[in-house]
Amino acid sequence: MDKNIIKRNELLSAQVIKGLESRNMTGYYAADKKEALEKALEIIPKGSTVTMGGGMSVHEIGLVEALKSGEYDFIDRDAVEDKRAAMLAAYDADFFLSSANAITQDGVIVNIDGNSNRVSAIAQGPKKVLFIVGMNKVCDDVDGAMKRARNVAAPINAQRFGLSTPCSSTGTCMNCKSPDTICCQFLITRYSRHKDRIHVILVGDNLGF
């Protein structure tokens, strides 16, 4: 990666982390995927019950495989028949893993969800929530973060899941009410009432969508 981009990410991440701290959340910066994985495993104690919603970034740093092969109780909803039970188990997990559709420079986290199991678990339930967020998702403000979530993340995810939404064919949000829409619930996390619950690892590498 270009040294100027590296420096920019370091400086910007410090600003985002300061914003997170002002919102009763904890932020960290990892220069790359390897450092992000090491930091995540440092945060999650062995023996913890861990699960997740969607989140390509969590997979991209190798965290899912590390948890599956390590001394953790990883609840994998994709590997069980009763997916509803696995989703409900997330609300009592020690750690819930997620990425973010966008995050602002002052630490506000934005997520859009279709089934809403992800945003509901972020909002309430699991003892701790750990976000893995590439620096490519940092936006100026909430308005920019919402636009990124709707016009970048949502169309790509709709295409990835093979959904018949207008954004799948146009590449941009059409504010649809399609039966396949994944823009059902919008969660803006601007503050955590419970200190030490929400942790965010910002990663210098581009991750997710």
Protein backbone atom coordinates (compact mmCIF):
# COMPACT_ATOMS: atom_id res chain seq x y z
CA MET A 1 0.00 0.00 0.00
CA ASP A 2 1.20 3.52 -0.79
CA LYS A 3 2.98 5.11 2.20
CA ASN A 4 0.79 8.21 1.94
CA ILE A 5 -2.36 6.11 2.26
CA ILE A 6 -0.84 4.30 5.24
CA LYS A 7 -0.09 7.61 6.95
CA ARG A 8 -3.54 8.97 6.15
CA ASN A 9 -5.19 5.86 7.64
CA GLU A 10 -3.12 6.15 10.81
CA LEU A 11 -4.06 9.80 11.28
CA LEU A 12 -7.73 9.32 10.42
CA SER A 13 -8.06 6.25 12.63
CA ALA A 14 -6.86 8.28 15.62
CA GLN A 15 -9.68 10.73 14.97
CA VAL A 16 -12.27 7.95 14.69
CA ILE A 17 -10.99 6.26 17.87
CA LYS A 18 -11.24 9.56 19.76
CA GLY A 19 -14.83 9.86 18.54
CA LEU A 20 -15.63 6.31 19.64
CA GLU A 21 -14.20 6.97 23.09
CA SER A 22 -16.40 10.07 23.43
CA ARG A 23 -19.35 7.77 22.74
CA ASN A 24 -18.41 5.22 25.43
CA MET A 25 -17.02 2.76 22.87
CA THR A 26 -13.49 1.41 22.53
CA GLY A 27 -11.48 1.69 19.32
CA TYR A 28 -8.23 0.16 18.09
CA TYR A 29 -6.19 0.51 14.93
CA ALA A 30 -4.59 -2.41 13.08
CA ALA A 31 -2.39 -1.66 10.11
CA ASP A 32 -3.44 -4.80 8.23
CA LYS A 33 -5.46 -8.01 8.40
CA LYS A 34 -2.78 -9.87 10.37
CA GLU A 35 -2.68 -7.24 13.09
CA ALA A 36 -6.49 -7.11 13.14
CA LEU A 37 -6.70 -10.86 13.75
CA GLU A 38 -4.13 -10.68 16.54
CA LYS A 39 -6.00 -7.80 18.21
CA ALA A 40 -9.37 -9.58 17.92
CA LEU A 41 -8.01 -12.74 19.56
CA GLU A 42 -6.46 -10.58 22.27
CA ILE A 43 -9.87 -9.05 23.00
CA ILE A 44 -11.84 -12.35 22.96
CA PRO A 45 -10.85 -14.62 25.89
CA LYS A 46 -10.53 -18.34 25.23
CA GLY A 47 -13.65 -20.22 26.23
CA SER A 48 -15.94 -17.38 25.14
CA THR A 49 -19.21 -18.05 23.38
CA VAL A 50 -18.96 -16.21 20.06
CA THR A 51 -21.34 -15.74 17.16
CA MET A 52 -21.99 -13.28 14.36
CA GLY A 53 -24.45 -11.89 11.87
CA GLY A 54 -23.22 -11.18 8.40
CA GLY A 55 -19.81 -9.61 7.99
CA MET A 56 -17.38 -10.27 5.17
CA SER A 57 -14.68 -8.34 7.01
CA VAL A 58 -14.76 -10.82 9.90
CA HIS A 59 -14.05 -13.62 7.43
CA GLU A 60 -11.45 -11.62 5.51
CA ILE A 61 -9.11 -11.20 8.48
CA GLY A 62 -9.33 -14.94 9.23
CA LEU A 63 -11.20 -14.53 12.52
CA VAL A 64 -13.96 -17.05 11.82
CA GLU A 65 -11.50 -19.85 11.02
CA ALA A 66 -9.37 -18.97 14.05
CA LEU A 67 -12.39 -19.21 16.34
CA LYS A 68 -13.60 -22.46 14.82
CA SER A 69 -10.20 -24.08 15.23
CA GLY A 70 -9.42 -22.54 18.62
CA GLU A 71 -10.61 -22.90 22.19
CA TYR A 72 -13.88 -21.04 21.70
CA ASP A 73 -17.57 -21.93 21.58
CA PHE A 74 -18.36 -20.57 18.12
CA ILE A 75 -22.04 -20.70 17.18
CA ASP A 76 -22.09 -21.10 13.40
CA ARG A 77 -25.62 -20.50 12.14
CA ASP A 78 -24.59 -21.62 8.64
CA ALA A 79 -23.58 -25.04 9.96
CA VAL A 80 -26.75 -25.91 11.91
CA GLU A 81 -30.22 -26.98 10.82
CA ASP A 82 -32.09 -24.78 13.29
CA LYS A 83 -30.90 -21.36 12.17
CA ARG A 84 -33.51 -19.56 14.25
CA ALA A 85 -32.18 -21.17 17.42
CA ALA A 86 -28.65 -20.13 16.44
CA MET A 87 -29.80 -16.55 15.86
CA LEU A 88 -31.58 -16.44 19.21
CA ALA A 89 -28.48 -17.83 20.95
CA ALA A 90 -26.62 -14.74 19.75
CA TYR A 91 -28.51 -12.58 22.25
CA ASP A 92 -26.86 -14.37 25.19
CA ALA A 93 -23.38 -14.78 23.64
CA ASP A 94 -20.23 -13.40 25.22
CA PHE A 95 -19.23 -11.80 21.91
CA PHE A 96 -21.17 -10.85 18.80
CA LEU A 97 -19.03 -10.18 15.72
CA SER A 98 -19.98 -7.77 12.97
CA SER A 99 -18.66 -5.38 10.43
CA ALA A 100 -20.24 -2.00 9.70
CA ASN A 101 -21.71 -0.61 6.52
CA ALA A 102 -20.10 2.71 7.41
CA ILE A 103 -18.56 4.65 10.28
CA THR A 104 -18.17 8.40 10.63
CA GLN A 105 -14.99 10.29 11.41
CA ASP A 106 -16.40 11.06 14.85
CA GLY A 107 -17.33 7.47 15.69
CA VAL A 108 -20.97 6.95 14.72
CA ILE A 109 -21.61 3.45 13.32
CA VAL A 110 -24.22 2.84 10.61
CA ASN A 111 -25.71 -0.52 9.65
CA ILE A 112 -28.58 -1.65 7.41
CA ASP A 113 -30.15 -5.08 7.75
CA GLY A 114 -32.69 -7.27 6.00
CA ASN A 115 -33.59 -9.97 8.53
CA SER A 116 -32.59 -7.60 11.34
CA ASN A 117 -30.92 -10.23 13.50
CA ARG A 118 -27.61 -8.40 13.09
CA VAL A 119 -28.76 -4.89 13.99
CA SER A 120 -30.91 -6.13 16.87
CA ALA A 121 -27.96 -8.00 18.41
CA ILE A 122 -25.74 -4.95 18.00
CA ALA A 123 -28.32 -2.83 19.80
CA GLN A 124 -29.03 -5.16 22.71
CA GLY A 125 -28.35 -8.68 23.99
CA PRO A 126 -24.79 -10.01 23.63
CA LYS A 127 -22.42 -9.07 26.44
CA LYS A 128 -19.93 -7.53 24.00
CA VAL A 129 -19.97 -6.54 20.34
CA LEU A 130 -16.78 -6.53 18.28
CA PHE A 131 -16.74 -4.69 14.96
CA ILE A 132 -14.10 -5.27 12.27
CA VAL A 133 -14.11 -2.21 10.00
CA GLY A 134 -11.87 -1.39 7.06
CA MET A 135 -10.75 2.23 6.75
CA ASN A 136 -12.48 2.29 3.35
CA LYS A 137 -15.76 2.60 5.27
CA VAL A 138 -14.95 5.85 7.07
CA CYS A 139 -17.23 8.73 6.00
CA ASP A 140 -17.37 12.42 6.84
CA ASP A 141 -20.68 12.36 8.70
CA VAL A 142 -23.90 10.40 9.26
CA ASP A 143 -25.40 11.61 5.99
CA GLY A 144 -22.36 10.35 4.09
CA ALA A 145 -22.41 7.09 6.06
CA MET A 146 -26.07 6.49 5.21
CA LYS A 147 -25.40 7.19 1.55
CA ARG A 148 -22.50 4.75 1.58
CA ALA A 149 -24.60 2.07 3.28
CA ARG A 150 -27.46 2.45 0.80
CA ASN A 151 -25.54 3.08 -2.42
CA VAL A 152 -22.40 0.97 -1.97
CA ALA A 153 -22.94 -1.78 0.61
CA ALA A 154 -26.60 -2.60 -0.07
CA PRO A 155 -26.39 -2.99 -3.89
CA ILE A 156 -23.28 -5.18 -3.63
CA ASN A 157 -24.85 -7.37 -0.95
CA ALA A 158 -28.09 -7.66 -2.94
CA GLN A 159 -26.07 -8.81 -5.94
CA ARG A 160 -24.02 -11.17 -3.78
CA PHE A 161 -27.17 -12.86 -2.47
CA GLY A 162 -28.82 -12.97 -5.90
CA LEU A 163 -31.75 -10.82 -4.83
CA SER A 164 -34.25 -9.27 -7.24
CA THR A 165 -34.00 -5.67 -6.11
CA PRO A 166 -33.74 -2.56 -8.30
CA CYS A 167 -30.27 -1.82 -6.89
CA SER A 168 -29.07 -5.22 -8.13
CA SER A 169 -29.52 -4.03 -11.70
CA THR A 170 -28.82 -0.31 -11.31
CA GLY A 171 -25.98 -0.46 -8.78
CA THR A 172 -27.51 2.28 -6.66
CA CYS A 173 -30.33 2.62 -4.15
CA MET A 174 -33.77 3.18 -5.66
CA ASN A 175 -35.50 3.48 -2.27
CA CYS A 176 -37.50 0.38 -3.18
CA LYS A 177 -40.14 -1.61 -1.34
CA SER A 178 -39.23 -4.82 -3.13
CA PRO A 179 -40.05 -8.08 -1.30
CA ASP A 180 -36.32 -8.86 -1.58
CA THR A 181 -35.14 -5.55 -0.12
CA ILE A 182 -32.35 -5.81 2.43
CA CYS A 183 -32.90 -2.21 3.59
CA CYS A 184 -35.48 -3.09 6.23
CA GLN A 185 -33.91 -1.80 9.42
CA PHE A 186 -31.43 1.07 9.83
CA LEU A 187 -29.31 1.22 12.98
CA ILE A 188 -27.30 4.31 13.90
CA THR A 189 -25.11 3.58 16.92
CA ARG A 190 -24.16 7.01 18.29
CA TYR A 191 -23.50 6.06 21.93
CA SER A 192 -23.13 2.96 24.10
CA ARG A 193 -24.77 3.26 27.49
CA HIS A 194 -22.78 0.26 28.68
CA LYS A 195 -19.05 0.96 28.87
CA ASP A 196 -16.73 -1.74 27.49
CA ARG A 197 -19.56 -3.40 25.52
CA ILE A 198 -18.77 -2.15 22.01
CA HIS A 199 -15.27 -2.55 20.58
CA VAL A 200 -14.19 -1.48 17.09
CA ILE A 201 -11.04 -2.60 15.30
CA LEU A 202 -10.27 -0.24 12.42
CA VAL A 203 -8.13 -1.91 9.78
CA GLY A 204 -5.73 -0.19 7.37
CA ASP A 205 -6.59 -2.71 4.64
CA ASN A 206 -9.74 -2.28 2.57
CA LEU A 207 -12.30 -4.77 3.87
CA GLY A 208 -15.84 -5.72 2.90
CA PHE A 209 -18.18 -3.58 0.86
